[in-house]
């Protein structure tokens, strides 16, 4: 499905720093994250536990979609989405979109 450039521009991408990460009981793939996106803390539910431990993620700067409608996943109100790549069919290859230079939390990404 193709989307227009105008629709793409509606997406708000920001740098987020993961301040805390924890496993979700009964969900092998899910981590509950606390992410600072520039003075605002958000909770995200991310299906990245196959590839990342909570300890690996804490302190990492990532790219977050910040203007998605919140969704409840396994009882967690998720207020954004991490950007990541992976090989289809192999979730162990998940690789988060990160920064090659340091930018402050909340910085715009385009």
Protein backbone atom coordinates (compact mmCIF):
# COMPACT_ATOMS: atom_id res chain seq x y z
CA UNK A 1 0.00 0.00 0.00
CA UNK A 2 1.33 3.40 -0.97
CA UNK A 3 0.80 6.47 1.18
CA UNK A 4 1.10 10.05 0.10
CA UNK A 5 3.98 12.26 1.13
CA UNK A 6 1.44 14.40 2.99
CA UNK A 7 0.38 11.35 5.03
CA UNK A 8 4.01 10.51 5.77
CA UNK A 9 4.57 14.06 7.02
CA UNK A 10 1.84 13.56 9.63
CA UNK A 11 4.09 11.13 11.48
CA UNK A 12 5.97 12.75 14.37
CA UNK A 13 9.35 11.14 15.00
CA UNK A 14 11.42 12.12 18.04
CA UNK A 15 14.58 11.02 19.79
CA UNK A 16 13.72 9.14 22.96
CA UNK A 17 16.04 7.96 25.72
CA UNK A 18 15.03 4.70 27.38
CA UNK A 19 15.18 5.34 31.12
CA UNK A 20 13.81 1.99 32.30
CA UNK A 21 12.94 -1.37 30.77
CA UNK A 22 11.31 -4.42 32.31
CA UNK A 23 9.99 -7.77 31.19
CA UNK A 24 6.22 -8.26 31.05
CA UNK A 25 4.96 -11.29 32.95
CA UNK A 26 3.47 -13.90 30.60
CA UNK A 27 4.72 -12.15 27.44
CA UNK A 28 8.01 -13.56 26.14
CA UNK A 29 8.43 -10.93 23.42
CA UNK A 30 7.25 -7.82 25.25
CA UNK A 31 9.15 -5.22 27.27
CA UNK A 32 7.62 -2.29 29.14
CA UNK A 33 9.73 0.82 28.57
CA UNK A 34 9.82 4.25 30.16
CA UNK A 35 11.08 6.69 27.53
CA UNK A 36 12.00 10.37 27.91
CA UNK A 37 11.06 12.26 24.75
CA UNK A 38 12.22 15.70 25.83
CA UNK A 39 10.96 16.32 29.32
CA UNK A 40 7.92 14.11 28.83
CA UNK A 41 8.00 10.52 30.04
CA UNK A 42 6.03 7.95 28.08
CA UNK A 43 5.31 4.27 28.58
CA UNK A 44 5.83 2.04 25.54
CA UNK A 45 5.13 -1.66 25.10
CA UNK A 46 7.72 -2.98 22.65
CA UNK A 47 7.94 -6.49 21.19
CA UNK A 48 11.73 -6.57 21.26
CA UNK A 49 12.51 -8.94 24.16
CA UNK A 50 13.63 -11.68 21.75
CA UNK A 51 16.57 -9.50 20.67
CA UNK A 52 17.20 -7.15 23.63
CA UNK A 53 17.41 -7.52 27.39
CA UNK A 54 16.10 -4.73 29.62
CA UNK A 55 19.68 -3.99 30.64
CA UNK A 56 20.79 -3.51 27.01
CA UNK A 57 18.05 -0.97 26.36
CA UNK A 58 18.34 1.17 29.48
CA UNK A 59 20.16 4.38 28.54
CA UNK A 60 19.85 3.83 24.78
CA UNK A 61 18.65 6.65 22.50
CA UNK A 62 16.10 5.47 19.92
CA UNK A 63 13.64 6.86 17.37
CA UNK A 64 10.02 6.96 18.58
CA UNK A 65 6.78 7.61 16.71
CA UNK A 66 5.16 9.99 19.19
CA UNK A 67 1.80 10.86 17.65
CA UNK A 68 0.17 7.43 17.43
CA UNK A 69 -3.06 6.93 19.29
CA UNK A 70 -2.32 5.07 22.54
CA UNK A 71 -2.96 1.32 22.43
CA UNK A 72 -3.36 -1.12 25.31
CA UNK A 73 -1.10 -4.14 24.89
CA UNK A 74 -1.22 -6.86 27.57
CA UNK A 75 -2.65 -4.33 30.01
CA UNK A 76 0.03 -1.70 29.26
CA UNK A 77 -1.06 1.64 27.82
CA UNK A 78 1.54 2.14 25.08
CA UNK A 79 2.03 5.80 24.11
CA UNK A 80 4.27 5.47 21.06
CA UNK A 81 6.25 3.05 18.94
CA UNK A 82 9.95 2.34 18.47
CA UNK A 83 11.30 2.15 14.93
CA UNK A 84 13.16 -1.06 14.14
CA UNK A 85 14.18 -3.30 11.30
CA UNK A 86 14.31 -7.12 11.11
CA UNK A 87 14.45 -10.00 8.70
CA UNK A 88 10.93 -11.26 8.06
CA UNK A 89 10.37 -14.51 9.90
CA UNK A 90 13.31 -14.07 12.29
CA UNK A 91 12.50 -11.80 15.22
CA UNK A 92 15.92 -12.44 16.75
CA UNK A 93 17.33 -10.08 14.09
CA UNK A 94 15.41 -7.04 15.41
CA UNK A 95 17.62 -3.94 15.27
CA UNK A 96 16.37 -0.68 16.73
CA UNK A 97 16.81 2.54 14.78
CA UNK A 98 19.37 4.49 16.82
CA UNK A 99 21.52 7.58 16.35
CA UNK A 100 25.09 7.77 15.10
CA UNK A 101 25.56 11.11 16.92
CA UNK A 102 24.18 12.23 20.24
CA UNK A 103 21.04 14.36 20.15
CA UNK A 104 18.91 15.41 23.12
CA UNK A 105 15.71 13.61 23.97
CA UNK A 106 12.80 15.14 22.11
CA UNK A 107 14.86 16.23 19.10
CA UNK A 108 12.92 15.95 15.84
CA UNK A 109 13.75 13.15 13.40
CA UNK A 110 12.85 13.37 9.73
